[in-house]
C-alpha atoms as a PDB file:
ATOM      1  CA  MET A   1      21.549-143.295 114.500  1.00  0.00           C
ATOM      2  CA  GLY A   2      17.733-141.137 115.118  1.00  0.00           C
ATOM      3  CA  GLY A   3      17.425-140.328 118.525  1.00  0.00           C
ATOM      4  CA  ASP A   4      20.929-142.087 119.827  1.00  0.00           C
ATOM      5  CA  ARG A   5      22.875-138.848 119.075  1.00  0.00           C
ATOM      6  CA  SER A   6      22.025-135.894 118.487  1.00  0.00           C
ATOM      7  CA  PHE A   7      24.315-132.315 117.632  1.00  0.00           C
ATOM      8  CA  TYR A   8      25.561-129.143 119.594  1.00  0.00           C
ATOM      9  CA  PRO A   9      26.298-126.423 117.909  1.00  0.00           C
ATOM     10  CA  LEU A  10      28.056-123.774 119.579  1.00  0.00           C
ATOM     11  CA  ASP A  11      27.921-119.878 118.361  1.00  0.00           C
ATOM     12  CA  SER A  12      30.653-119.212 116.235  1.00  0.00           C
ATOM     13  CA  GLN A  13      31.088-114.835 117.888  1.00  0.00           C
ATOM     14  CA  SER A  14      31.542-117.055 121.411  1.00  0.00           C
ATOM     15  CA  ALA A  15      33.361-119.982 120.753  1.00  0.00           C
ATOM     16  CA  GLN A  16      36.146-120.805 122.836  1.00  0.00           C
ATOM     17  CA  GLU A  17      38.970-119.954 122.208  1.00  0.00           C
ATOM     18  CA  ILE A  18      41.832-121.572 119.659  1.00  0.00           C
ATOM     19  CA  GLY A  19      44.020-122.827 122.667  1.00  0.00           C
ATOM     20  CA  ASP A  20      41.088-124.141 124.578  1.00  0.00           C
ATOM     21  CA  TRP A  21      40.397-127.200 121.813  1.00  0.00           C
ATOM     22  CA  PRO A  22      40.326-130.422 122.857  1.00  0.00           C
ATOM     23  CA  GLY A  23      42.921-132.406 122.295  1.00  0.00           C
ATOM     24  CA  ILE A  24      45.143-129.173 119.770  1.00  0.00           C
ATOM     25  CA  PRO A  25      48.229-127.855 121.644  1.00  0.00           C
ATOM     26  CA  GLU A  26      47.683-123.652 122.767  1.00  0.00           C
ATOM     27  CA  ARG A  27      50.593-123.320 119.827  1.00  0.00           C
ATOM     28  CA  SER A  28      48.412-124.850 117.400  1.00  0.00           C
ATOM     29  CA  PHE A  29      46.706-122.025 114.604  1.00  0.00           C
ATOM     30  CA  ALA A  30      47.031-118.320 116.211  1.00  0.00           C
ATOM     31  CA  GLU A  31      50.171-118.691 117.078  1.00  0.00           C
ATOM     32  CA  ARG A  32      52.844-119.930 113.611  1.00  0.00           C
ATOM     33  CA  PRO A  33      54.934-117.771 112.277  1.00  0.00           C
ATOM     34  CA  GLU A  34      54.284-117.764 109.173  1.00  0.00           C
ATOM     35  CA  SER A  35      50.582-116.896 108.977  1.00  0.00           C
ATOM     36  CA  PRO A  36      50.117-113.469 107.843  1.00  0.00           C
ATOM     37  CA  VAL A  37      46.416-113.058 110.987  1.00  0.00           C
ATOM     38  CA  GLY A  38      49.135-114.081 114.234  1.00  0.00           C
ATOM     39  CA  PRO A  39      48.955-112.057 116.749  1.00  0.00           C
ATOM     40  CA  GLY A  40      50.340-108.937 116.628  1.00  0.00           C
ATOM     41  CA  VAL A  41      49.414-106.388 114.530  1.00  0.00           C
ATOM     42  CA  GLY A  42      46.586-106.660 112.643  1.00  0.00           C
ATOM     43  CA  TYR A  43      45.207-109.938 113.668  1.00  0.00           C
ATOM     44  CA  VAL A  44      42.514-111.336 113.256  1.00  0.00           C
ATOM     45  CA  LYS A  45      40.676-114.030 115.297  1.00  0.00           C
ATOM     46  CA  PRO A  46      39.728-117.108 113.301  1.00  0.00           C
ATOM     47  CA  ILE A  47      36.544-117.624 112.865  1.00  0.00           C
ATOM     48  CA  VAL A  48      35.542-121.156 115.165  1.00  0.00           C
ATOM     49  CA  ILE A  49      32.073-123.848 113.555  1.00  0.00           C
ATOM     50  CA  GLU A  50      31.232-126.759 115.723  1.00  0.00           C
ATOM     51  CA  ILE A  51      30.044-129.688 115.993  1.00  0.00           C
ATOM     52  CA  GLU A  52      29.672-131.792 118.057  1.00  0.00           C
ATOM     53  CA  GLY A  53      27.685-135.435 118.557  1.00  0.00           C
ATOM     54  CA  GLN A  54      27.199-139.055 119.954  1.00  0.00           C
ATOM     55  CA  VAL A  55      28.699-141.679 117.693  1.00  0.00           C
ATOM     56  CA  PRO A  56      26.988-144.981 119.533  1.00  0.00           C
ATOM     57  CA  ALA A  57      30.371-147.728 118.777  1.00  0.00           C
ATOM     58  CA  PRO A  58      34.030-147.839 119.976  1.00  0.00           C
ATOM     59  CA  ILE A  59      36.314-145.080 119.933  1.00  0.00           C
ATOM     60  CA  GLU A  60      39.043-147.405 118.164  1.00  0.00           C
ATOM     61  CA  THR A  61      36.531-147.722 115.748  1.00  0.00           C
ATOM     62  CA  VAL A  62      35.239-144.005 115.880  1.00  0.00           C
ATOM     63  CA  PHE A  63      39.291-142.859 115.320  1.00  0.00           C
ATOM     64  CA  ASP A  64      40.020-145.391 112.436  1.00  0.00           C
ATOM     65  CA  VAL A  65      36.560-145.149 110.416  1.00  0.00           C
ATOM     66  CA  PHE A  66      36.526-141.191 110.428  1.00  0.00           C
ATOM     67  CA  MET A  67      40.156-140.765 110.207  1.00  0.00           C
ATOM     68  CA  PRO A  68      40.495-141.905 106.613  1.00  0.00           C
ATOM     69  CA  ILE A  69      37.018-141.917 105.608  1.00  0.00           C
ATOM     70  CA  ASP A  70      37.207-141.077 101.852  1.00  0.00           C
ATOM     71  CA  LEU A  71      35.356-137.347 101.752  1.00  0.00           C
ATOM     72  CA  THR A  72      33.240-138.535  98.739  1.00  0.00           C
ATOM     73  CA  THR A  73      30.992-140.030 100.421  1.00  0.00           C
ATOM     74  CA  ILE A  74      30.317-138.244 103.994  1.00  0.00           C
ATOM     75  CA  MET A  75      30.472-134.077 101.404  1.00  0.00           C
ATOM     76  CA  ARG A  76      28.743-134.408  98.926  1.00  0.00           C
ATOM     77  CA  GLY A  77      27.397-130.686  99.578  1.00  0.00           C
ATOM     78  CA  TYR A  78      25.273-128.658 100.657  1.00  0.00           C
ATOM     79  CA  GLY A  79      23.893-124.710  99.746  1.00  0.00           C
ATOM     80  CA  PRO A  80      26.464-123.338  97.154  1.00  0.00           C
ATOM     81  CA  LEU A  81      29.071-126.217  99.156  1.00  0.00           C
ATOM     82  CA  PRO A  82      29.853-128.191  96.417  1.00  0.00           C
ATOM     83  CA  ALA A  83      30.361-131.769  96.972  1.00  0.00           C
ATOM     84  CA  VAL A  84      34.143-133.800  97.099  1.00  0.00           C
ATOM     85  CA  SER A  85      34.890-135.154  93.721  1.00  0.00           C
ATOM     86  CA  ALA A  86      37.881-136.523  94.716  1.00  0.00           C
ATOM     87  CA  VAL A  87      41.289-136.657  96.288  1.00  0.00           C
ATOM     88  CA  GLU A  88      44.697-137.122  94.710  1.00  0.00           C
ATOM     89  CA  ASP A  89      48.068-137.061  95.568  1.00  0.00           C
ATOM     90  CA  GLN A  90      48.126-138.117  98.629  1.00  0.00           C
ATOM     91  CA  SER A  91      51.278-138.808 100.490  1.00  0.00           C
ATOM     92  CA  GLY A  92      51.683-141.859 102.083  1.00  0.00           C
ATOM     93  CA  ALA A  93      48.935-144.387 104.397  1.00  0.00           C
ATOM     94  CA  TRP A  94      46.847-140.941 105.780  1.00  0.00           C
ATOM     95  CA  ASP A  95      47.986-142.257 109.105  1.00  0.00           C
ATOM     96  CA  SER A  96      51.177-139.654 109.803  1.00  0.00           C
ATOM     97  CA  ILE A  97      52.204-135.689 110.068  1.00  0.00           C
ATOM     98  CA  GLY A  98      53.133-134.428 107.337  1.00  0.00           C
ATOM     99  CA  GLU A  99      51.491-136.201 104.615  1.00  0.00           C
ATOM    100  CA  SER A 100      49.115-134.053 102.557  1.00  0.00           C
ATOM    101  CA  ARG A 101      46.620-134.109  99.452  1.00  0.00           C
ATOM    102  CA  ILE A 102      44.823-132.513  96.343  1.00  0.00           C
ATOM    103  CA  ILE A 103      40.772-132.316  97.517  1.00  0.00           C
ATOM    104  CA  ARG A 104      38.715-132.149  94.605  1.00  0.00           C
ATOM    105  CA  PHE A 105      35.925-130.625  94.435  1.00  0.00           C
ATOM    106  CA  ALA A 106      32.837-131.173  91.748  1.00  0.00           C
ATOM    107  CA  ASP A 107      33.100-127.209  90.289  1.00  0.00           C
ATOM    108  CA  GLY A 108      36.579-128.721  89.698  1.00  0.00           C
ATOM    109  CA  HIS A 109      38.526-126.178  92.226  1.00  0.00           C
ATOM    110  CA  GLY A 110      40.194-127.476  95.303  1.00  0.00           C
ATOM    111  CA  MET A 111      42.403-127.404  98.250  1.00  0.00           C
ATOM    112  CA  LEU A 112      45.098-129.062  99.697  1.00  0.00           C
ATOM    113  CA  GLU A 113      45.565-131.345 103.012  1.00  0.00           C
ATOM    114  CA  THR A 114      48.108-131.673 105.491  1.00  0.00           C
ATOM    115  CA  LEU A 115      47.915-133.708 108.808  1.00  0.00           C
ATOM    116  CA  THR A 116      49.456-131.326 112.048  1.00  0.00           C
ATOM    117  CA  ARG A 117      48.572-133.957 114.551  1.00  0.00           C
ATOM    118  CA  VAL A 118      47.730-137.398 115.169  1.00  0.00           C
ATOM    119  CA  ASP A 119      46.886-139.313 118.583  1.00  0.00           C
ATOM    120  CA  ARG A 120      44.701-142.465 118.117  1.00  0.00           C
ATOM    121  CA  PRO A 121      42.355-143.020 119.696  1.00  0.00           C
ATOM    122  CA  ARG A 122      41.527-140.233 120.851  1.00  0.00           C
ATOM    123  CA  GLY A 123      41.499-138.132 117.447  1.00  0.00           C
ATOM    124  CA  PHE A 124      43.561-136.105 115.145  1.00  0.00           C
ATOM    125  CA  ALA A 125      43.926-132.254 113.192  1.00  0.00           C
ATOM    126  CA  TYR A 126      44.412-131.211 109.999  1.00  0.00           C
ATOM    127  CA  THR A 127      45.268-128.531 107.486  1.00  0.00           C
ATOM    128  CA  LEU A 128      43.669-127.048 104.891  1.00  0.00           C
ATOM    129  CA  SER A 129      45.371-124.735 101.979  1.00  0.00           C
ATOM    130  CA  ASN A 130      46.184-123.459  99.014  1.00  0.00           C
ATOM    131  CA  LEU A 131      42.421-122.263  98.227  1.00  0.00           C
ATOM    132  CA  THR A 132      41.458-122.597  94.525  1.00  0.00           C
ATOM    133  CA  ASN A 133      37.329-121.670  94.690  1.00  0.00           C
ATOM    134  CA  ALA A 134      36.409-117.739  96.076  1.00  0.00           C
ATOM    135  CA  LEU A 135      36.508-118.768  99.559  1.00  0.00           C
ATOM    136  CA  ARG A 136      40.609-117.549  98.949  1.00  0.00           C
ATOM    137  CA  LEU A 137      38.960-114.050  99.670  1.00  0.00           C
ATOM    138  CA  LEU A 138      37.291-114.503 102.528  1.00  0.00           C
ATOM    139  CA  VAL A 139      39.982-117.001 104.279  1.00  0.00           C
ATOM    140  CA  HIS A 140      43.192-117.766 104.016  1.00  0.00           C
ATOM    141  CA  ARG A 141      43.919-120.741 105.244  1.00  0.00           C
ATOM    142  CA  PHE A 142      41.298-123.285 107.949  1.00  0.00           C
ATOM    143  CA  HIS A 143      42.897-126.124 110.762  1.00  0.00           C
ATOM    144  CA  GLY A 144      40.082-128.795 111.275  1.00  0.00           C
ATOM    145  CA  SER A 145      40.624-131.598 113.973  1.00  0.00           C
ATOM    146  CA  TRP A 146      38.422-134.744 115.541  1.00  0.00           C
ATOM    147  CA  ALA A 147      38.216-134.925 118.976  1.00  0.00           C
ATOM    148  CA  PHE A 148      37.181-138.617 120.558  1.00  0.00           C
ATOM    149  CA  GLU A 149      36.066-139.215 123.685  1.00  0.00           C
ATOM    150  CA  ASP A 150      34.759-142.816 125.418  1.00  0.00           C
ATOM    151  CA  CYS A 151      31.212-141.489 127.233  1.00  0.00           C
ATOM    152  CA  SER A 152      30.373-145.638 127.448  1.00  0.00           C
ATOM    153  CA  ALA A 153      29.367-146.290 131.021  1.00  0.00           C
ATOM    154  CA  SER A 154      31.032-149.294 132.367  1.00  0.00           C
ATOM    155  CA  THR A 155      28.702-151.651 131.767  1.00  0.00           C
ATOM    156  CA  GLY A 156      26.840-150.255 128.906  1.00  0.00           C
ATOM    157  CA  PRO A 157      26.752-150.171 125.056  1.00  0.00           C
ATOM    158  CA  SER A 158      30.286-148.176 123.574  1.00  0.00           C
ATOM    159  CA  VAL A 159      29.543-144.437 123.070  1.00  0.00           C
ATOM    160  CA  VAL A 160      32.286-141.633 121.928  1.00  0.00           C
ATOM    161  CA  ARG A 161      31.585-137.944 122.066  1.00  0.00           C
ATOM    162  CA  ALA A 162      32.959-136.767 118.697  1.00  0.00           C
ATOM    163  CA  THR A 163      33.587-133.449 117.919  1.00  0.00           C
ATOM    164  CA  TRP A 164      34.527-131.460 115.264  1.00  0.00           C
ATOM    165  CA  ARG A 165      35.647-128.161 114.252  1.00  0.00           C
ATOM    166  CA  TYR A 166      37.130-125.681 112.256  1.00  0.00           C
ATOM    167  CA  ALA A 167      39.611-122.069 112.797  1.00  0.00           C
ATOM    168  CA  PHE A 168      39.121-120.316 109.693  1.00  0.00           C
ATOM    169  CA  ASP A 169      41.777-118.260 109.158  1.00  0.00           C
ATOM    170  CA  VAL A 170      40.412-114.545 107.891  1.00  0.00           C
ATOM    171  CA  ARG A 171      41.586-112.568 105.265  1.00  0.00           C
ATOM    172  CA  SER A 172      40.668-108.560 107.350  1.00  0.00           C
ATOM    173  CA  TRP A 173      38.642-107.508 109.878  1.00  0.00           C
ATOM    174  CA  LEU A 174      36.645-106.224 106.917  1.00  0.00           C
ATOM    175  CA  THR A 175      35.552-109.732 105.372  1.00  0.00           C
ATOM    176  CA  ARG A 176      35.061-111.399 108.704  1.00  0.00           C
ATOM    177  CA  PRO A 177      31.143-110.415 108.829  1.00  0.00           C
ATOM    178  CA  LEU A 178      30.112-112.348 105.338  1.00  0.00           C
ATOM    179  CA  ALA A 179      33.147-114.965 105.973  1.00  0.00           C
ATOM    180  CA  TRP A 180      30.485-114.985 109.519  1.00  0.00           C
ATOM    181  CA  LEU A 181      27.753-115.553 107.676  1.00  0.00           C
ATOM    182  CA  ILE A 182      28.317-118.042 104.953  1.00  0.00           C
ATOM    183  CA  LEU A 183      29.839-119.669 107.549  1.00  0.00           C
ATOM    184  CA  THR A 184      27.352-120.465 109.878  1.00  0.00           C
ATOM    185  CA  LEU A 185      24.945-120.805 106.906  1.00  0.00           C
ATOM    186  CA  PHE A 186      26.492-122.617 104.877  1.00  0.00           C
ATOM    187  CA  TRP A 187      29.927-124.970 106.070  1.00  0.00           C
ATOM    188  CA  ARG A 188      27.369-125.645 109.583  1.00  0.00           C
ATOM    189  CA  PRO A 189      25.332-127.662 107.957  1.00  0.00           C
ATOM    190  CA  TYR A 190      27.973-129.418 105.397  1.00  0.00           C
ATOM    191  CA  MET A 191      29.445-130.614 108.388  1.00  0.00           C
ATOM    192  CA  ALA A 192      27.030-131.257 110.127  1.00  0.00           C
ATOM    193  CA  ALA A 193      26.085-133.202 107.359  1.00  0.00           C
ATOM    194  CA  ALA A 194      29.194-135.152 106.811  1.00  0.00           C
ATOM    195  CA  PHE A 195      29.220-135.915 110.320  1.00  0.00           C
ATOM    196  CA  GLU A 196      25.546-137.248 110.108  1.00  0.00           C
ATOM    197  CA  ARG A 197      27.394-140.124 107.436  1.00  0.00           C
ATOM    198  CA  ALA A 198      30.178-140.399 108.702  1.00  0.00           C
ATOM    199  CA  SER A 199      28.419-141.495 112.276  1.00  0.00           C
ATOM    200  CA  ALA A 200      26.841-144.148 109.964  1.00  0.00           C
ATOM    201  CA  GLN A 201      29.547-145.720 109.204  1.00  0.00           C
ATOM    202  CA  ALA A 202      31.524-145.563 112.395  1.00  0.00           C
ATOM    203  CA  VAL A 203      28.267-147.742 112.883  1.00  0.00           C
ATOM    204  CA  ALA A 204      27.997-150.226 110.634  1.00  0.00           C
ATOM    205  CA  VAL A 205      31.437-151.072 111.748  1.00  0.00           C
ATOM    206  CA  ALA A 206      30.438-151.617 114.721  1.00  0.00           C
ATOM    207  CA  THR A 207      26.992-153.638 114.058  1.00  0.00           C
ATOM    208  CA  GLN A 208      29.318-155.614 111.047  1.00  0.00           C
ATOM    209  CA  GLU A 209      26.162-153.534 108.494  1.00  0.00           C
ATOM    210  CA  PRO A 210      25.963-151.602 105.863  1.00  0.00           C
ATOM    211  CA  ALA A 211      25.870-148.425 106.103  1.00  0.00           C
ATOM    212  CA  ARG A 212      22.830-146.400 106.606  1.00  0.00           C
ATOM    213  CA  ARG A 213      22.320-144.425 103.602  1.00  0.00           C
ATOM    214  CA  VAL A 214      22.262-141.005 104.924  1.00  0.00           C
ATOM    215  CA  ASP A 215      20.711-138.268 102.337  1.00  0.00           C
END
């Protein structure tokens, strides 16, 4: 997209509370009864990482590209974070709440992804759990969401504001500073690069042109 779009990252420590997420009900993640770090005694505030950008394409196209996108084409690794190498054991067409799949990484580790919300074309949400890599020592599970807002002028080209958020359920206050450092230094740019590649695919579909390669 070059100069047509930009990212506006939020500071993780001052990010909004979970209930303020666009399009996500208040009783989403922090109040889940099964969470070992739910509100109350011993509650550890989730770490929130968010990026936002503009995608020059119709909102329906953005949703239809982003939701079922091939993760191996956008999540290519960053620093110590490995690339996604495969998606396995997917249940269903990946368009309904409750469907799940295994995300496999290049280092052999993986995690379970489960759809928790689908609201075409405004967004979708999912939970990632059963981590097998080193991140499991810091994070119990994490919750992702995409929110799409049509920002097109009445007579102008289509433009969508896309917001991607993760809320990480940290295991304890003791490990929270280390988790925050790792997620800020590596996970945020990992997301930003994946966002750029996904946006290129959406624009290619909207314009019926080959997707621009984003390294």
